[in-house]
Amino acid sequence: MDLIVRPAHADDAPRIVRIYVDSWNAGFGSLMPVITVDSARVERWRNELSGGRTRWWVAELDEFLAGFVGIGPSRDPIDPTLGELDTIAVDPAYWRSGVGTALMRTALEGIVEAGFTEGILWTLSGYDRGQRFYEAMGWRRDGGIRDNGHQISFRNSLGRPQRPRVGPTEPSADQTTSVPPGPPPTYPPL
């Protein structure tokens, strides 16, 4: 099986939405409400992939789109040295096949190439599968919480020794995001 990670394009939007929805619903289970594929969601993703603050990649396994990932500057906290893993999602049929690992490695390389000195991601506090994946990929809980404890943050020192963080950090009052399933971080459905 040939696995290729390439930059995402607007034409990938319909398949990305299908992956996002399937991964969200299978991965989050009872943690989040079920979402569906619809034309508005596809159009929002098409616009997101056409430009914006986030850089997106897709993983193709034998020429079939199996997952995607996006990175950009941190939204919470706003810090010019901090890159954010925005979303990572893998089609549930390809979980534990190496697709998520390849996407995460690409995202971490992208964060470094963009000049950030550290990475952050936010995920659901009860999303054990995702948390195990993030930890296996070098991410560590940093004590950050938001959305009344519903979300927690992880940091990645991008190859530098981790320095311990003390105590929780306060979330932005106006920021509510989530994280997609099967190894995904997510935000409210696009």
C-alpha atoms as a PDB file:
ATOM      1  CA  MET A   1       0.000   0.000   0.000  1.00  0.00           C
ATOM      2  CA  ASP A   2       1.362   3.384  -1.016  1.00  0.00           C
ATOM      3  CA  LEU A   3       0.791   6.245   1.425  1.00  0.00           C
ATOM      4  CA  ILE A   4       1.314   9.772   0.130  1.00  0.00           C
ATOM      5  CA  VAL A   5       0.760  13.020   2.046  1.00  0.00           C
ATOM      6  CA  ARG A   6       0.200  16.039  -0.188  1.00  0.00           C
ATOM      7  CA  PRO A   7      -1.171  19.581   0.146  1.00  0.00           C
ATOM      8  CA  ALA A   8      -4.961  19.667   0.187  1.00  0.00           C
ATOM      9  CA  HIS A   9      -6.932  21.406  -2.560  1.00  0.00           C
ATOM     10  CA  ALA A  10     -10.436  22.840  -2.722  1.00  0.00           C
ATOM     11  CA  ASP A  11     -11.459  19.881  -4.919  1.00  0.00           C
ATOM     12  CA  ASP A  12     -10.762  17.610  -1.922  1.00  0.00           C
ATOM     13  CA  ALA A  13     -13.579  19.240   0.091  1.00  0.00           C
ATOM     14  CA  PRO A  14     -16.308  16.613  -0.479  1.00  0.00           C
ATOM     15  CA  ARG A  15     -14.060  13.729   0.637  1.00  0.00           C
ATOM     16  CA  ILE A  16     -12.597  15.755   3.520  1.00  0.00           C
ATOM     17  CA  VAL A  17     -16.102  16.463   4.775  1.00  0.00           C
ATOM     18  CA  ARG A  18     -16.989  12.762   4.587  1.00  0.00           C
ATOM     19  CA  ILE A  19     -13.830  11.884   6.566  1.00  0.00           C
ATOM     20  CA  TYR A  20     -14.488  14.674   9.065  1.00  0.00           C
ATOM     21  CA  VAL A  21     -18.080  13.586   9.680  1.00  0.00           C
ATOM     22  CA  ASP A  22     -17.359   9.843   9.832  1.00  0.00           C
ATOM     23  CA  SER A  23     -14.335  10.341  12.080  1.00  0.00           C
ATOM     24  CA  TRP A  24     -16.239  12.767  14.340  1.00  0.00           C
ATOM     25  CA  ASN A  25     -19.213  10.452  14.758  1.00  0.00           C
ATOM     26  CA  ALA A  26     -17.210   7.242  15.251  1.00  0.00           C
ATOM     27  CA  GLY A  27     -14.478   8.766  17.392  1.00  0.00           C
ATOM     28  CA  PHE A  28     -16.418  11.024  19.711  1.00  0.00           C
ATOM     29  CA  GLY A  29     -19.338   8.678  20.277  1.00  0.00           C
ATOM     30  CA  SER A  30     -21.395  10.072  23.128  1.00  0.00           C
ATOM     31  CA  LEU A  31     -18.937  12.937  23.815  1.00  0.00           C
ATOM     32  CA  MET A  32     -20.343  15.109  21.013  1.00  0.00           C
ATOM     33  CA  PRO A  33     -23.567  15.313  19.018  1.00  0.00           C
ATOM     34  CA  VAL A  34     -23.739  13.476  15.698  1.00  0.00           C
ATOM     35  CA  ILE A  35     -23.000  15.649  12.654  1.00  0.00           C
ATOM     36  CA  THR A  36     -23.927  15.089   9.005  1.00  0.00           C
ATOM     37  CA  VAL A  37     -22.609  15.772   5.536  1.00  0.00           C
ATOM     38  CA  ASP A  38     -24.443  18.577   3.784  1.00  0.00           C
ATOM     39  CA  SER A  39     -23.751  21.002   0.945  1.00  0.00           C
ATOM     40  CA  ALA A  40     -23.187  23.938   3.304  1.00  0.00           C
ATOM     41  CA  ARG A  41     -20.465  22.034   5.189  1.00  0.00           C
ATOM     42  CA  VAL A  42     -18.810  21.035   1.900  1.00  0.00           C
ATOM     43  CA  GLU A  43     -18.849  24.661   0.726  1.00  0.00           C
ATOM     44  CA  ARG A  44     -17.356  25.905   4.021  1.00  0.00           C
ATOM     45  CA  TRP A  45     -14.543  23.373   3.701  1.00  0.00           C
ATOM     46  CA  ARG A  46     -14.020  24.280   0.035  1.00  0.00           C
ATOM     47  CA  ASN A  47     -13.580  27.922   1.110  1.00  0.00           C
ATOM     48  CA  GLU A  48     -11.285  26.940   4.000  1.00  0.00           C
ATOM     49  CA  LEU A  49      -9.079  24.894   1.674  1.00  0.00           C
ATOM     50  CA  SER A  50      -8.930  27.745  -0.855  1.00  0.00           C
ATOM     51  CA  GLY A  51      -7.175  30.069   1.543  1.00  0.00           C
ATOM     52  CA  GLY A  52      -7.040  31.172   5.095  1.00  0.00           C
ATOM     53  CA  ARG A  53      -4.792  30.969   8.094  1.00  0.00           C
ATOM     54  CA  THR A  54      -4.561  27.162   8.116  1.00  0.00           C
ATOM     55  CA  ARG A  55      -2.297  24.989   5.986  1.00  0.00           C
ATOM     56  CA  TRP A  56      -3.927  21.653   5.064  1.00  0.00           C
ATOM     57  CA  TRP A  57      -2.626  18.279   3.872  1.00  0.00           C
ATOM     58  CA  VAL A  58      -4.366  15.049   2.885  1.00  0.00           C
ATOM     59  CA  ALA A  59      -3.162  11.459   3.062  1.00  0.00           C
ATOM     60  CA  GLU A  60      -3.806   9.221   0.089  1.00  0.00           C
ATOM     61  CA  LEU A  61      -3.569   5.491   0.547  1.00  0.00           C
ATOM     62  CA  ASP A  62      -3.421   3.761  -2.822  1.00  0.00           C
ATOM     63  CA  GLU A  63      -4.842   6.957  -4.376  1.00  0.00           C
ATOM     64  CA  PHE A  64      -7.800   7.025  -1.955  1.00  0.00           C
ATOM     65  CA  LEU A  65      -8.144  10.010   0.385  1.00  0.00           C
ATOM     66  CA  ALA A  66      -7.892   8.490   3.874  1.00  0.00           C
ATOM     67  CA  GLY A  67      -7.296  11.466   6.193  1.00  0.00           C
ATOM     68  CA  PHE A  68      -6.341  15.109   6.547  1.00  0.00           C
ATOM     69  CA  VAL A  69      -4.588  17.512   8.905  1.00  0.00           C
ATOM     70  CA  GLY A  70      -4.270  21.278   9.290  1.00  0.00           C
ATOM     71  CA  ILE A  71      -1.948  23.625  11.157  1.00  0.00           C
ATOM     72  CA  GLY A  72      -1.766  27.363  11.716  1.00  0.00           C
ATOM     73  CA  PRO A  73      -0.947  29.993  14.291  1.00  0.00           C
ATOM     74  CA  SER A  74      -2.380  29.362  17.752  1.00  0.00           C
ATOM     75  CA  ARG A  75      -5.829  30.833  18.338  1.00  0.00           C
ATOM     76  CA  ASP A  76      -5.848  30.183  22.083  1.00  0.00           C
ATOM     77  CA  PRO A  77      -3.620  31.442  23.490  1.00  0.00           C
ATOM     78  CA  ILE A  78      -2.634  33.992  20.875  1.00  0.00           C
ATOM     79  CA  ASP A  79       1.145  33.718  20.838  1.00  0.00           C
ATOM     80  CA  PRO A  80       3.302  34.358  17.743  1.00  0.00           C
ATOM     81  CA  THR A  81       5.724  31.571  18.735  1.00  0.00           C
ATOM     82  CA  LEU A  82       2.985  28.940  19.116  1.00  0.00           C
ATOM     83  CA  GLY A  83       1.703  26.828  16.227  1.00  0.00           C
ATOM     84  CA  GLU A  84      -1.613  24.984  16.504  1.00  0.00           C
ATOM     85  CA  LEU A  85      -2.633  21.564  15.303  1.00  0.00           C
ATOM     86  CA  ASP A  86      -6.070  22.639  14.098  1.00  0.00           C
ATOM     87  CA  THR A  87      -7.607  19.329  13.054  1.00  0.00           C
ATOM     88  CA  ILE A  88      -6.479  15.814  12.283  1.00  0.00           C
ATOM     89  CA  ALA A  89      -9.017  13.279  11.058  1.00  0.00           C
ATOM     90  CA  VAL A  90      -8.702   9.816   9.568  1.00  0.00           C
ATOM     91  CA  ASP A  91     -11.410   7.762   7.887  1.00  0.00           C
ATOM     92  CA  PRO A  92     -12.357   5.159  10.543  1.00  0.00           C
ATOM     93  CA  ALA A  93     -11.681   2.385   8.001  1.00  0.00           C
ATOM     94  CA  TYR A  94      -8.010   3.462   8.116  1.00  0.00           C
ATOM     95  CA  TRP A  95      -7.535   3.922  11.856  1.00  0.00           C
ATOM     96  CA  ARG A  96      -4.365   2.217  13.111  1.00  0.00           C
ATOM     97  CA  SER A  97      -3.002   1.878   9.561  1.00  0.00           C
ATOM     98  CA  GLY A  98      -0.270   4.534   9.833  1.00  0.00           C
ATOM     99  CA  VAL A  99      -2.308   7.294   8.180  1.00  0.00           C
ATOM    100  CA  GLY A 100      -2.688   9.309  11.400  1.00  0.00           C
ATOM    101  CA  THR A 101       1.008   8.949  12.216  1.00  0.00           C
ATOM    102  CA  ALA A 102       2.030  10.149   8.733  1.00  0.00           C
ATOM    103  CA  LEU A 103      -0.329  13.109   8.984  1.00  0.00           C
ATOM    104  CA  MET A 104       0.890  14.030  12.464  1.00  0.00           C
ATOM    105  CA  ARG A 105       4.530  13.906  11.366  1.00  0.00           C
ATOM    106  CA  THR A 106       3.682  16.162   8.426  1.00  0.00           C
ATOM    107  CA  ALA A 107       1.858  18.577  10.740  1.00  0.00           C
ATOM    108  CA  LEU A 108       4.752  18.728  13.211  1.00  0.00           C
ATOM    109  CA  GLU A 109       7.224  19.341  10.382  1.00  0.00           C
ATOM    110  CA  GLY A 110       4.902  22.065   9.063  1.00  0.00           C
ATOM    111  CA  ILE A 111       4.737  23.767  12.465  1.00  0.00           C
ATOM    112  CA  VAL A 112       8.546  23.826  12.613  1.00  0.00           C
ATOM    113  CA  GLU A 113       8.878  25.011   8.989  1.00  0.00           C
ATOM    114  CA  ALA A 114       6.410  27.837   9.716  1.00  0.00           C
ATOM    115  CA  GLY A 115       8.848  29.100  12.364  1.00  0.00           C
ATOM    116  CA  PHE A 116       6.901  28.222  15.492  1.00  0.00           C
ATOM    117  CA  THR A 117       8.898  27.112  18.523  1.00  0.00           C
ATOM    118  CA  GLU A 118       6.151  25.037  20.144  1.00  0.00           C
ATOM    119  CA  GLY A 119       2.861  23.384  19.175  1.00  0.00           C
ATOM    120  CA  ILE A 120      -0.532  23.300  20.901  1.00  0.00           C
ATOM    121  CA  LEU A 121      -3.690  21.320  20.324  1.00  0.00           C
ATOM    122  CA  TRP A 122      -7.055  21.277  22.081  1.00  0.00           C
ATOM    123  CA  THR A 123      -9.117  18.128  22.492  1.00  0.00           C
ATOM    124  CA  LEU A 124     -12.098  16.874  24.436  1.00  0.00           C
ATOM    125  CA  SER A 125     -11.292  16.005  28.036  1.00  0.00           C
ATOM    126  CA  GLY A 126     -12.919  12.552  27.770  1.00  0.00           C
ATOM    127  CA  TYR A 127     -11.437  11.653  24.388  1.00  0.00           C
ATOM    128  CA  ASP A 128      -9.074   8.922  25.586  1.00  0.00           C
ATOM    129  CA  ARG A 129      -8.313   7.434  22.145  1.00  0.00           C
ATOM    130  CA  GLY A 130      -7.146  10.784  20.810  1.00  0.00           C
ATOM    131  CA  GLN A 131      -5.183  11.596  23.945  1.00  0.00           C
ATOM    132  CA  ARG A 132      -3.286   8.292  23.749  1.00  0.00           C
ATOM    133  CA  PHE A 133      -2.441   9.035  20.108  1.00  0.00           C
ATOM    134  CA  TYR A 134      -1.234  12.567  20.886  1.00  0.00           C
ATOM    135  CA  GLU A 135       0.951  11.320  23.737  1.00  0.00           C
ATOM    136  CA  ALA A 136       2.425   8.602  21.520  1.00  0.00           C
ATOM    137  CA  MET A 137       3.313  11.349  19.029  1.00  0.00           C
ATOM    138  CA  GLY A 138       5.175  13.443  21.610  1.00  0.00           C
ATOM    139  CA  TRP A 139       2.406  15.741  22.866  1.00  0.00           C
ATOM    140  CA  ARG A 140       2.042  16.330  26.636  1.00  0.00           C
ATOM    141  CA  ARG A 141      -0.812  17.723  28.725  1.00  0.00           C
ATOM    142  CA  ASP A 142       0.009  21.285  29.709  1.00  0.00           C
ATOM    143  CA  GLY A 143      -2.770  21.984  32.226  1.00  0.00           C
ATOM    144  CA  GLY A 144      -4.762  24.208  29.865  1.00  0.00           C
ATOM    145  CA  ILE A 145      -8.548  23.938  30.071  1.00  0.00           C
ATOM    146  CA  ARG A 146     -11.474  25.763  28.480  1.00  0.00           C
ATOM    147  CA  ASP A 147     -15.175  25.369  27.858  1.00  0.00           C
ATOM    148  CA  ASN A 148     -15.805  24.640  31.565  1.00  0.00           C
ATOM    149  CA  GLY A 149     -13.280  21.804  31.553  1.00  0.00           C
ATOM    150  CA  HIS A 150     -14.784  20.150  28.468  1.00  0.00           C
ATOM    151  CA  GLN A 151     -11.550  20.750  26.547  1.00  0.00           C
ATOM    152  CA  ILE A 152      -7.916  20.273  27.507  1.00  0.00           C
ATOM    153  CA  SER A 153      -4.705  21.292  25.783  1.00  0.00           C
ATOM    154  CA  PHE A 154      -1.538  19.457  24.885  1.00  0.00           C
ATOM    155  CA  ARG A 155       1.829  20.947  23.919  1.00  0.00           C
ATOM    156  CA  ASN A 156       4.648  19.653  21.780  1.00  0.00           C
ATOM    157  CA  SER A 157       8.116  21.095  22.285  1.00  0.00           C
ATOM    158  CA  LEU A 158       8.988  20.178  18.680  1.00  0.00           C
ATOM    159  CA  GLY A 159      12.027  18.139  19.613  1.00  0.00           C
ATOM    160  CA  ARG A 160      13.282  20.312  22.478  1.00  0.00           C
ATOM    161  CA  PRO A 161      13.189  19.052  26.069  1.00  0.00           C
ATOM    162  CA  GLN A 162       9.767  19.587  27.669  1.00  0.00           C
ATOM    163  CA  ARG A 163       9.577  22.109  30.488  1.00  0.00           C
ATOM    164  CA  PRO A 164       6.932  21.468  33.111  1.00  0.00           C
ATOM    165  CA  ARG A 165       3.904  23.756  33.258  1.00  0.00           C
ATOM    166  CA  VAL A 166       2.238  24.504  36.536  1.00  0.00           C
ATOM    167  CA  GLY A 167      -1.527  24.861  36.984  1.00  0.00           C
ATOM    168  CA  PRO A 168      -4.320  25.293  34.461  1.00  0.00           C
ATOM    169  CA  THR A 169      -4.426  28.170  32.024  1.00  0.00           C
ATOM    170  CA  GLU A 170      -7.581  30.149  31.513  1.00  0.00           C
ATOM    171  CA  PRO A 171      -9.351  29.803  28.174  1.00  0.00           C
ATOM    172  CA  SER A 172     -10.578  32.698  26.134  1.00  0.00           C
ATOM    173  CA  ALA A 173     -14.165  33.389  27.155  1.00  0.00           C
ATOM    174  CA  ASP A 174     -15.339  33.667  23.579  1.00  0.00           C
ATOM    175  CA  GLN A 175     -13.623  30.575  22.224  1.00  0.00           C
ATOM    176  CA  THR A 176     -15.448  27.293  22.086  1.00  0.00           C
ATOM    177  CA  THR A 177     -13.950  24.534  19.995  1.00  0.00           C
ATOM    178  CA  SER A 178     -13.810  20.788  20.016  1.00  0.00           C
ATOM    179  CA  VAL A 179     -11.746  18.119  18.416  1.00  0.00           C
ATOM    180  CA  PRO A 180     -12.565  15.561  15.747  1.00  0.00           C
ATOM    181  CA  PRO A 181     -12.304  11.852  16.177  1.00  0.00           C
ATOM    182  CA  GLY A 182     -10.162   8.946  15.417  1.00  0.00           C
ATOM    183  CA  PRO A 183      -7.157  10.475  16.201  1.00  0.00           C
ATOM    184  CA  PRO A 184      -8.608  13.944  15.681  1.00  0.00           C
ATOM    185  CA  PRO A 185      -8.501  17.285  17.287  1.00  0.00           C
ATOM    186  CA  THR A 186     -11.452  19.326  16.117  1.00  0.00           C
ATOM    187  CA  TYR A 187     -13.355  22.462  16.187  1.00  0.00           C
ATOM    188  CA  PRO A 188     -17.018  23.162  15.690  1.00  0.00           C
ATOM    189  CA  PRO A 189     -18.086  21.748  12.368  1.00  0.00           C
ATOM    190  CA  LEU A 190     -17.090  23.775   9.354  1.00  0.00           C
END
